[in-house]
Amino acid sequence: MKKITLLFCLVLLAACCKKSPKPPTAAQLVYPLKSSECTTGVDVSNTNTSEVEFKWNASSRTDLYELKITNLSTNLTQTLTTTQTTLKVVLQKGLAYSWFVTSKSSELSETAASDIWKFYNAGTETTYPPFSAEIIAPKSGQTVFKDLNNEIKLEWSAVDVDDDLAEYKVYFSSTTPPSVLIATNTPENTTTKVSVSANTVYYWKVLVKDAEGNTSDSGIYQFKVY
């Protein structure tokens, strides 16, 4: 009886000491480069498409990678899976895309997502519109506190393949779509303050313009003032 009890205790102890599996780590993106023009695509005969090879570094404790590529003109996303760290995908030329990789484990449902990168797939274009502005703060749907001056700071970032950003136009209002132009900023100035009232939902967007007159729209974001 003592031997059975001892054996049961040893089995129980081993089970308790077994380490829980850890989730995968996020992959590090390699190519196509962030905020770039991808010129290495292989032409697909008699089409306006090319085959682009996506690359990323291996992440720890990962059994499967999920690659998501979004056409920023149509907002259509394609999802592909692989056990490798490269994947060739046929894309339309001359358009902007965003992409990221999700690392998955066969032992856990928890996943890890990489950064999101944007690029243009090279075509016959000699100039490209700026990438749409990325909203930094407030995040869409966030509830924020106004400062002592009853103001909130809006913040964003933007990049352009041609490196010729000209200005930002910021639209803001308590109705959607935001209709009031509240600021026209230089490329170096990616913040602006706005007056707000408590218990109110506000909408805003940023229009990015380059030196050749090309524009891009961030889309509409909203936040509530506490």
Protein backbone atom coordinates (compact mmCIF):
# COMPACT_ATOMS: atom_id res chain seq x y z
CA MET A 1 0.00 0.00 0.00
CA LYS A 2 2.86 2.36 0.83
CA LYS A 3 4.51 1.61 -2.52
CA ILE A 4 1.29 2.42 -4.39
CA THR A 5 0.89 5.66 -2.46
CA LEU A 6 4.50 6.62 -3.13
CA LEU A 7 4.13 5.86 -6.83
CA PHE A 8 0.94 7.95 -6.99
CA CYS A 9 2.73 10.87 -5.31
CA LEU A 10 5.64 10.65 -7.75
CA VAL A 11 3.28 10.66 -10.74
CA LEU A 12 1.38 13.61 -9.28
CA LEU A 13 4.62 15.47 -8.63
CA ALA A 14 5.82 14.87 -12.19
CA ALA A 15 2.54 16.18 -13.56
CA CYS A 16 2.76 19.30 -11.43
CA CYS A 17 6.35 19.95 -12.45
CA LYS A 18 5.62 19.66 -16.17
CA LYS A 19 6.10 23.05 -17.74
CA SER A 20 3.23 24.62 -19.63
CA PRO A 21 3.98 25.25 -23.32
CA LYS A 22 4.94 28.80 -24.19
CA PRO A 23 3.29 30.74 -27.02
CA PRO A 24 5.18 31.47 -30.25
CA THR A 25 7.15 34.67 -30.68
CA ALA A 26 6.48 37.24 -33.40
CA ALA A 27 8.24 36.86 -36.73
CA GLN A 28 10.57 39.61 -37.97
CA LEU A 29 9.69 40.75 -41.48
CA VAL A 30 12.46 40.88 -44.09
CA TYR A 31 11.09 41.52 -47.59
CA PRO A 32 9.40 43.38 -49.32
CA LEU A 33 10.98 46.22 -47.39
CA LYS A 34 8.89 48.59 -45.30
CA SER A 35 7.61 51.71 -47.11
CA SER A 36 9.41 50.79 -50.32
CA GLU A 37 8.91 50.03 -53.99
CA CYS A 38 9.31 46.30 -54.58
CA THR A 39 11.17 45.91 -57.88
CA THR A 40 12.11 42.23 -57.67
CA GLY A 41 8.78 40.74 -58.72
CA VAL A 42 8.90 38.29 -61.64
CA ASP A 43 6.54 39.22 -64.47
CA VAL A 44 3.63 36.90 -65.17
CA SER A 45 3.24 36.60 -68.94
CA ASN A 46 0.50 38.64 -70.64
CA THR A 47 -0.82 40.06 -67.36
CA ASN A 48 -0.34 43.20 -65.30
CA THR A 49 0.91 41.08 -62.40
CA SER A 50 4.19 39.86 -60.98
CA GLU A 51 5.22 37.13 -58.55
CA VAL A 52 6.63 38.63 -55.35
CA GLU A 53 8.57 36.57 -52.81
CA PHE A 54 7.74 37.42 -49.18
CA LYS A 55 10.41 36.67 -46.58
CA TRP A 56 10.59 36.77 -42.78
CA ASN A 57 12.81 35.39 -40.05
CA ALA A 58 11.81 32.23 -38.21
CA SER A 59 10.09 32.75 -34.87
CA SER A 60 10.43 30.53 -31.82
CA ARG A 61 7.94 27.78 -30.98
CA THR A 62 6.15 28.21 -34.30
CA ASP A 63 4.62 25.37 -36.33
CA LEU A 64 2.73 27.42 -38.91
CA TYR A 65 2.94 30.91 -40.39
CA GLU A 66 -0.10 32.80 -41.66
CA LEU A 67 0.68 35.50 -44.21
CA LYS A 68 -1.93 38.21 -44.75
CA ILE A 69 -1.62 40.61 -47.70
CA THR A 70 -4.07 43.50 -48.16
CA ASN A 71 -4.58 45.39 -51.40
CA LEU A 72 -4.83 48.95 -50.09
CA SER A 73 -6.83 50.08 -53.12
CA THR A 74 -9.62 47.54 -52.64
CA ASN A 75 -9.07 46.59 -48.97
CA LEU A 76 -9.29 42.95 -50.03
CA THR A 77 -7.08 40.61 -47.99
CA GLN A 78 -5.71 37.24 -48.99
CA THR A 79 -4.56 34.79 -46.33
CA LEU A 80 -1.95 32.12 -47.02
CA THR A 81 -0.31 29.57 -44.72
CA THR A 82 3.07 27.87 -44.80
CA THR A 83 5.56 26.08 -42.58
CA GLN A 84 8.42 27.88 -44.35
CA THR A 85 9.69 31.45 -43.96
CA THR A 86 9.18 32.43 -47.59
CA LEU A 87 6.16 32.48 -49.85
CA LYS A 88 5.72 33.56 -53.48
CA VAL A 89 2.50 35.43 -54.27
CA VAL A 90 1.18 36.90 -57.53
CA LEU A 91 0.16 40.54 -57.11
CA GLN A 92 -1.10 43.27 -59.38
CA LYS A 93 1.55 45.78 -60.43
CA GLY A 94 1.56 49.43 -59.48
CA LEU A 95 -0.56 49.07 -56.35
CA ALA A 96 0.09 49.51 -52.64
CA TYR A 97 -0.10 46.55 -50.28
CA SER A 98 0.25 45.93 -46.57
CA TRP A 99 1.40 42.62 -45.10
CA PHE A 100 2.13 40.87 -41.84
CA VAL A 101 2.79 37.38 -40.53
CA THR A 102 1.08 35.57 -37.65
CA SER A 103 3.05 32.83 -35.86
CA LYS A 104 0.99 29.82 -34.72
CA SER A 105 1.71 26.83 -32.50
CA SER A 106 0.10 23.39 -32.61
CA GLU A 107 0.09 23.32 -28.79
CA LEU A 108 -1.64 26.61 -28.03
CA SER A 109 -4.35 28.81 -29.49
CA GLU A 110 -2.34 31.90 -28.56
CA THR A 111 -0.58 33.50 -31.55
CA ALA A 112 1.91 36.29 -32.18
CA ALA A 113 1.65 38.88 -34.96
CA SER A 114 4.53 40.68 -36.64
CA ASP A 115 4.66 44.38 -37.46
CA ILE A 116 2.63 45.54 -40.45
CA TRP A 117 4.64 46.75 -43.44
CA LYS A 118 3.46 48.58 -46.56
CA PHE A 119 4.99 48.60 -50.04
CA TYR A 120 4.24 49.32 -53.70
CA ASN A 121 4.56 46.49 -56.20
CA ALA A 122 6.54 48.07 -59.04
CA GLY A 123 4.81 48.64 -62.35
CA THR A 124 5.22 51.26 -65.07
CA GLU A 125 4.59 54.15 -62.67
CA THR A 126 7.31 56.74 -62.18
CA THR A 127 5.65 58.28 -59.15
CA TYR A 128 3.44 56.95 -56.37
CA PRO A 129 0.90 58.50 -54.00
CA PRO A 130 1.96 58.65 -50.35
CA PHE A 131 1.02 55.74 -48.14
CA SER A 132 -2.08 56.53 -46.09
CA ALA A 133 -1.35 58.10 -42.71
CA GLU A 134 -1.08 55.76 -39.75
CA ILE A 135 -3.03 57.02 -36.76
CA ILE A 136 -1.00 56.94 -33.54
CA ALA A 137 -3.31 58.65 -31.05
CA PRO A 138 -6.07 58.57 -30.12
CA LYS A 139 -6.65 55.03 -31.36
CA SER A 140 -9.99 54.41 -33.01
CA GLY A 141 -12.64 53.60 -30.42
CA GLN A 142 -10.51 54.83 -27.54
CA THR A 143 -11.86 56.88 -24.64
CA VAL A 144 -9.51 59.73 -23.71
CA PHE A 145 -9.21 62.51 -21.15
CA LYS A 146 -9.01 66.16 -22.18
CA ASP A 147 -6.26 68.31 -20.69
CA LEU A 148 -6.67 71.40 -18.50
CA ASN A 149 -7.22 73.51 -21.63
CA ASN A 150 -10.03 71.24 -22.81
CA GLU A 151 -7.85 69.96 -25.64
CA ILE A 152 -6.76 66.62 -27.10
CA LYS A 153 -3.62 66.04 -29.16
CA LEU A 154 -4.05 64.21 -32.46
CA GLU A 155 -0.97 62.34 -33.69
CA TRP A 156 -0.15 60.39 -36.86
CA SER A 157 2.74 59.33 -39.10
CA ALA A 158 3.15 59.03 -42.86
CA VAL A 159 5.77 57.98 -45.41
CA ASP A 160 6.18 58.30 -49.15
CA VAL A 161 8.21 56.12 -51.52
CA ASP A 162 9.21 59.19 -53.54
CA ASP A 163 10.17 61.09 -50.37
CA ASP A 164 8.31 64.23 -51.46
CA LEU A 165 5.60 64.71 -48.85
CA ALA A 166 4.14 68.21 -49.07
CA GLU A 167 1.43 68.60 -46.42
CA TYR A 168 -1.18 67.06 -44.16
CA LYS A 169 -4.79 68.18 -44.03
CA VAL A 170 -6.58 67.21 -40.82
CA TYR A 171 -10.38 66.98 -40.77
CA PHE A 172 -12.23 66.84 -37.47
CA SER A 173 -15.82 67.09 -36.21
CA SER A 174 -18.44 65.52 -33.96
CA THR A 175 -20.24 64.17 -37.01
CA THR A 176 -19.15 61.63 -39.59
CA PRO A 177 -17.66 62.01 -42.07
CA PRO A 178 -15.49 64.69 -40.44
CA SER A 179 -16.06 67.85 -42.45
CA VAL A 180 -14.11 70.63 -40.75
CA LEU A 181 -10.56 71.28 -41.93
CA ILE A 182 -8.84 72.16 -38.66
CA ALA A 183 -5.18 72.10 -39.69
CA THR A 184 -2.85 72.09 -42.69
CA ASN A 185 0.54 70.91 -41.48
CA THR A 186 4.00 70.69 -43.00
CA PRO A 187 5.54 67.21 -43.43
CA GLU A 188 7.57 67.64 -40.24
CA ASN A 189 4.53 68.42 -38.10
CA THR A 190 2.50 65.27 -37.39
CA THR A 191 0.48 66.50 -34.41
CA THR A 192 -2.23 69.03 -33.79
CA LYS A 193 -4.38 69.97 -30.81
CA VAL A 194 -8.17 70.26 -30.94
CA SER A 195 -10.72 71.67 -28.52
CA VAL A 196 -13.18 69.08 -27.21
CA SER A 197 -16.12 68.65 -24.83
CA ALA A 198 -16.74 65.88 -22.33
CA ASN A 199 -19.04 62.95 -23.14
CA THR A 200 -18.75 63.55 -26.88
CA VAL A 201 -17.67 61.27 -29.73
CA TYR A 202 -15.39 62.85 -32.33
CA TYR A 203 -14.34 61.74 -35.81
CA TRP A 204 -11.16 62.61 -37.67
CA LYS A 205 -8.98 61.74 -40.63
CA VAL A 206 -5.73 62.85 -42.25
CA LEU A 207 -5.29 63.55 -45.95
CA VAL A 208 -1.65 63.21 -47.06
CA LYS A 209 -0.44 65.10 -50.15
CA ASP A 210 2.88 64.94 -51.99
CA ALA A 211 4.69 67.51 -54.14
CA GLU A 212 3.13 66.16 -57.35
CA GLY A 213 -0.41 66.48 -56.03
CA ASN A 214 -0.94 62.79 -55.26
CA THR A 215 -3.06 62.20 -52.16
CA SER A 216 -4.05 59.41 -49.80
CA ASP A 217 -6.76 59.23 -47.17
CA SER A 218 -6.24 57.67 -43.72
CA GLY A 219 -9.87 56.67 -43.41
CA ILE A 220 -12.10 57.80 -40.56
CA TYR A 221 -11.15 57.26 -36.91
CA GLN A 222 -13.24 58.00 -33.84
CA PHE A 223 -12.72 58.49 -30.11
CA LYS A 224 -14.77 59.56 -27.12
CA VAL A 225 -13.82 62.24 -24.64
CA TYR A 226 -14.41 61.26 -21.01
